[in-house]
Amino acid sequence: MEQTSNTNDPTYAWLGPNDTPSRVAHRARIRALNDDLRCNGEGGRVLVTASVAKLSPALQTSVLTAVATFTTFAFGNDPYGEHDFGAVTVEDEVYFWKIDSYDTDLVGHSPDPADPAVTARVLTIMHATEY
């Protein structure tokens, strides 16, 4: 696999031997939608687990800001280039975040995560011990 190290490049993606231009474009659309939810809180729902909800408001804000500004994507945490998982450290505690793409009824996977009309995107933020 070709690995791109500049994850701030909007064309960033891990390219596999079977990737076609349409697959790369599809993945880029998913990545953009995931980034919009993670960075701006738009295009889906943001959920926090019980341990994050119990944090002080200031610490919750720090965790949410760390998630929104996360840019350390690599093949190990983002093998498909969709920006759907990451880990951040805030005050010496590790928090994970993940984005899932469900159908609009939230009962199964989205038939096409690149299409917001058929996708309910959910960002979940949790303490690492809850994963």
C-alpha atoms as a PDB file:
ATOM      1  CA  MET A   1       0.000   0.000   0.000  1.00  0.00           C
ATOM      2  CA  GLU A   2       1.079   3.530  -0.724  1.00  0.00           C
ATOM      3  CA  GLN A   3       1.096   5.542   2.468  1.00  0.00           C
ATOM      4  CA  THR A   4       0.704   9.304   2.514  1.00  0.00           C
ATOM      5  CA  SER A   5       2.190  11.022   5.540  1.00  0.00           C
ATOM      6  CA  ASN A   6       0.626  14.472   5.107  1.00  0.00           C
ATOM      7  CA  THR A   7      -2.766  13.865   6.678  1.00  0.00           C
ATOM      8  CA  ASN A   8      -3.760  17.529   6.362  1.00  0.00           C
ATOM      9  CA  ASP A   9      -3.745  17.178   2.576  1.00  0.00           C
ATOM     10  CA  PRO A  10      -7.395  17.033   1.414  1.00  0.00           C
ATOM     11  CA  THR A  11      -6.485  14.325  -1.096  1.00  0.00           C
ATOM     12  CA  TYR A  12      -5.025  12.133   1.668  1.00  0.00           C
ATOM     13  CA  ALA A  13      -6.002   8.493   1.486  1.00  0.00           C
ATOM     14  CA  TRP A  14      -4.389   5.112   1.805  1.00  0.00           C
ATOM     15  CA  LEU A  15      -4.252   3.653  -1.669  1.00  0.00           C
ATOM     16  CA  GLY A  16      -4.596  -0.059  -2.150  1.00  0.00           C
ATOM     17  CA  PRO A  17      -3.937  -2.113  -5.276  1.00  0.00           C
ATOM     18  CA  ASN A  18      -7.673  -2.358  -6.046  1.00  0.00           C
ATOM     19  CA  ASP A  19      -8.493   1.313  -5.557  1.00  0.00           C
ATOM     20  CA  THR A  20     -10.066   3.010  -8.538  1.00  0.00           C
ATOM     21  CA  PRO A  21     -10.625   6.751  -8.954  1.00  0.00           C
ATOM     22  CA  SER A  22     -14.290   6.269  -8.035  1.00  0.00           C
ATOM     23  CA  ARG A  23     -13.383   4.356  -4.843  1.00  0.00           C
ATOM     24  CA  VAL A  24     -10.889   7.055  -3.890  1.00  0.00           C
ATOM     25  CA  ALA A  25     -13.535   9.754  -4.492  1.00  0.00           C
ATOM     26  CA  HIS A  26     -16.113   7.769  -2.488  1.00  0.00           C
ATOM     27  CA  ARG A  27     -13.679   7.450   0.419  1.00  0.00           C
ATOM     28  CA  ALA A  28     -12.851  11.167   0.194  1.00  0.00           C
ATOM     29  CA  ARG A  29     -16.562  12.012   0.484  1.00  0.00           C
ATOM     30  CA  ILE A  30     -16.913   9.787   3.570  1.00  0.00           C
ATOM     31  CA  ARG A  31     -13.803  11.397   5.061  1.00  0.00           C
ATOM     32  CA  ALA A  32     -15.187  14.911   4.455  1.00  0.00           C
ATOM     33  CA  LEU A  33     -18.530  14.030   6.070  1.00  0.00           C
ATOM     34  CA  ASN A  34     -16.772  12.429   9.050  1.00  0.00           C
ATOM     35  CA  ASP A  35     -14.502  15.458   9.439  1.00  0.00           C
ATOM     36  CA  ASP A  36     -17.506  17.803   9.294  1.00  0.00           C
ATOM     37  CA  LEU A  37     -19.168  15.937  12.151  1.00  0.00           C
ATOM     38  CA  ARG A  38     -15.989  15.619  14.209  1.00  0.00           C
ATOM     39  CA  CYS A  39     -14.717  19.161  13.665  1.00  0.00           C
ATOM     40  CA  ASN A  40     -17.966  21.137  13.473  1.00  0.00           C
ATOM     41  CA  GLY A  41     -20.613  18.929  15.074  1.00  0.00           C
ATOM     42  CA  GLU A  42     -22.586  19.032  11.825  1.00  0.00           C
ATOM     43  CA  GLY A  43     -24.098  16.217   9.820  1.00  0.00           C
ATOM     44  CA  GLY A  44     -24.797  13.775  12.612  1.00  0.00           C
ATOM     45  CA  ARG A  45     -25.055  13.152  16.318  1.00  0.00           C
ATOM     46  CA  VAL A  46     -22.370  13.515  18.962  1.00  0.00           C
ATOM     47  CA  LEU A  47     -22.616  11.168  21.942  1.00  0.00           C
ATOM     48  CA  VAL A  48     -20.431  10.910  25.011  1.00  0.00           C
ATOM     49  CA  THR A  49     -20.287   7.930  27.330  1.00  0.00           C
ATOM     50  CA  ALA A  50     -21.132   8.083  31.027  1.00  0.00           C
ATOM     51  CA  SER A  51     -17.522   8.603  32.102  1.00  0.00           C
ATOM     52  CA  VAL A  52     -17.123  11.590  29.778  1.00  0.00           C
ATOM     53  CA  ALA A  53     -20.486  13.016  30.854  1.00  0.00           C
ATOM     54  CA  LYS A  54     -19.292  12.903  34.491  1.00  0.00           C
ATOM     55  CA  LEU A  55     -16.266  15.108  33.749  1.00  0.00           C
ATOM     56  CA  SER A  56     -16.299  18.763  34.739  1.00  0.00           C
ATOM     57  CA  PRO A  57     -17.632  21.099  32.039  1.00  0.00           C
ATOM     58  CA  ALA A  58     -14.133  22.490  31.502  1.00  0.00           C
ATOM     59  CA  LEU A  59     -12.639  19.028  31.043  1.00  0.00           C
ATOM     60  CA  GLN A  60     -15.488  18.001  28.729  1.00  0.00           C
ATOM     61  CA  THR A  61     -14.726  21.064  26.609  1.00  0.00           C
ATOM     62  CA  SER A  62     -11.039  20.121  26.524  1.00  0.00           C
ATOM     63  CA  VAL A  63     -11.854  16.585  25.369  1.00  0.00           C
ATOM     64  CA  LEU A  64     -14.281  17.809  22.687  1.00  0.00           C
ATOM     65  CA  THR A  65     -11.727  20.350  21.469  1.00  0.00           C
ATOM     66  CA  ALA A  66      -9.008  17.690  21.315  1.00  0.00           C
ATOM     67  CA  VAL A  67     -11.287  15.469  19.230  1.00  0.00           C
ATOM     68  CA  ALA A  68     -12.274  18.325  16.912  1.00  0.00           C
ATOM     69  CA  THR A  69      -8.670  19.362  16.296  1.00  0.00           C
ATOM     70  CA  PHE A  70      -7.217  15.850  15.971  1.00  0.00           C
ATOM     71  CA  THR A  71      -5.010  15.488  12.860  1.00  0.00           C
ATOM     72  CA  THR A  72      -2.738  12.556  13.701  1.00  0.00           C
ATOM     73  CA  PHE A  73      -4.191  10.106  11.214  1.00  0.00           C
ATOM     74  CA  ALA A  74      -1.962   7.220  10.173  1.00  0.00           C
ATOM     75  CA  PHE A  75      -2.401   3.832   8.581  1.00  0.00           C
ATOM     76  CA  GLY A  76      -2.559   2.215  12.024  1.00  0.00           C
ATOM     77  CA  ASN A  77      -5.575   4.235  13.202  1.00  0.00           C
ATOM     78  CA  ASP A  78      -7.110   5.102   9.830  1.00  0.00           C
ATOM     79  CA  PRO A  79      -6.495   2.169   7.467  1.00  0.00           C
ATOM     80  CA  TYR A  80      -9.260   3.177   5.042  1.00  0.00           C
ATOM     81  CA  GLY A  81      -8.567   6.918   5.091  1.00  0.00           C
ATOM     82  CA  GLU A  82     -12.078   7.705   6.345  1.00  0.00           C
ATOM     83  CA  HIS A  83     -11.117   9.597   9.539  1.00  0.00           C
ATOM     84  CA  ASP A  84     -13.492   7.483  11.607  1.00  0.00           C
ATOM     85  CA  PHE A  85     -11.362   6.739  14.682  1.00  0.00           C
ATOM     86  CA  GLY A  86      -8.773   8.431  16.861  1.00  0.00           C
ATOM     87  CA  ALA A  87      -7.306   8.723  20.331  1.00  0.00           C
ATOM     88  CA  VAL A  88      -6.513  11.907  22.223  1.00  0.00           C
ATOM     89  CA  THR A  89      -4.822  12.533  25.549  1.00  0.00           C
ATOM     90  CA  VAL A  90      -6.225  15.184  27.863  1.00  0.00           C
ATOM     91  CA  GLU A  91      -4.747  15.718  31.325  1.00  0.00           C
ATOM     92  CA  ASP A  92      -2.891  12.392  31.125  1.00  0.00           C
ATOM     93  CA  GLU A  93      -6.079  10.442  30.328  1.00  0.00           C
ATOM     94  CA  VAL A  94      -6.688   8.766  26.964  1.00  0.00           C
ATOM     95  CA  TYR A  95     -10.013   9.178  25.200  1.00  0.00           C
ATOM     96  CA  PHE A  96     -11.135   7.395  22.048  1.00  0.00           C
ATOM     97  CA  TRP A  97     -13.550   8.687  19.499  1.00  0.00           C
ATOM     98  CA  LYS A  98     -15.193   6.792  16.668  1.00  0.00           C
ATOM     99  CA  ILE A  99     -17.690   7.557  13.955  1.00  0.00           C
ATOM    100  CA  ASP A 100     -20.248   4.985  12.864  1.00  0.00           C
ATOM    101  CA  SER A 101     -22.458   5.295   9.798  1.00  0.00           C
ATOM    102  CA  TYR A 102     -25.929   3.819  10.302  1.00  0.00           C
ATOM    103  CA  ASP A 103     -29.024   3.663   8.143  1.00  0.00           C
ATOM    104  CA  THR A 104     -31.475   6.480   8.889  1.00  0.00           C
ATOM    105  CA  ASP A 105     -33.471   4.251  11.261  1.00  0.00           C
ATOM    106  CA  LEU A 106     -30.307   3.532  13.285  1.00  0.00           C
ATOM    107  CA  VAL A 107     -30.869  -0.224  13.061  1.00  0.00           C
ATOM    108  CA  GLY A 108     -28.063  -1.259  10.724  1.00  0.00           C
ATOM    109  CA  HIS A 109     -25.167  -0.062   8.625  1.00  0.00           C
ATOM    110  CA  SER A 110     -25.705   2.704   6.105  1.00  0.00           C
ATOM    111  CA  PRO A 111     -26.179   1.416   2.559  1.00  0.00           C
ATOM    112  CA  ASP A 112     -23.838   4.222   1.425  1.00  0.00           C
ATOM    113  CA  PRO A 113     -21.881   6.190   4.059  1.00  0.00           C
ATOM    114  CA  ALA A 114     -20.952   8.759   1.399  1.00  0.00           C
ATOM    115  CA  ASP A 115     -24.626   9.725   0.990  1.00  0.00           C
ATOM    116  CA  PRO A 116     -26.019  11.846   3.845  1.00  0.00           C
ATOM    117  CA  ALA A 117     -29.579  11.200   2.642  1.00  0.00           C
ATOM    118  CA  VAL A 118     -29.321   7.521   3.635  1.00  0.00           C
ATOM    119  CA  THR A 119     -26.874   7.830   6.530  1.00  0.00           C
ATOM    120  CA  ALA A 120     -27.167   8.698  10.210  1.00  0.00           C
ATOM    121  CA  ARG A 121     -23.632   9.482  11.327  1.00  0.00           C
ATOM    122  CA  VAL A 122     -22.813   9.064  15.057  1.00  0.00           C
ATOM    123  CA  LEU A 123     -19.638  10.302  16.754  1.00  0.00           C
ATOM    124  CA  THR A 124     -19.048   8.588  20.106  1.00  0.00           C
ATOM    125  CA  ILE A 125     -16.449   9.905  22.546  1.00  0.00           C
ATOM    126  CA  MET A 126     -15.366   7.648  25.409  1.00  0.00           C
ATOM    127  CA  HIS A 127     -12.635   7.098  27.962  1.00  0.00           C
ATOM    128  CA  ALA A 128     -10.168   4.491  26.689  1.00  0.00           C
ATOM    129  CA  THR A 129     -11.179   2.074  29.452  1.00  0.00           C
ATOM    130  CA  GLU A 130     -14.690   1.941  27.988  1.00  0.00           C
ATOM    131  CA  TYR A 131     -13.636   0.620  24.589  1.00  0.00           C
END
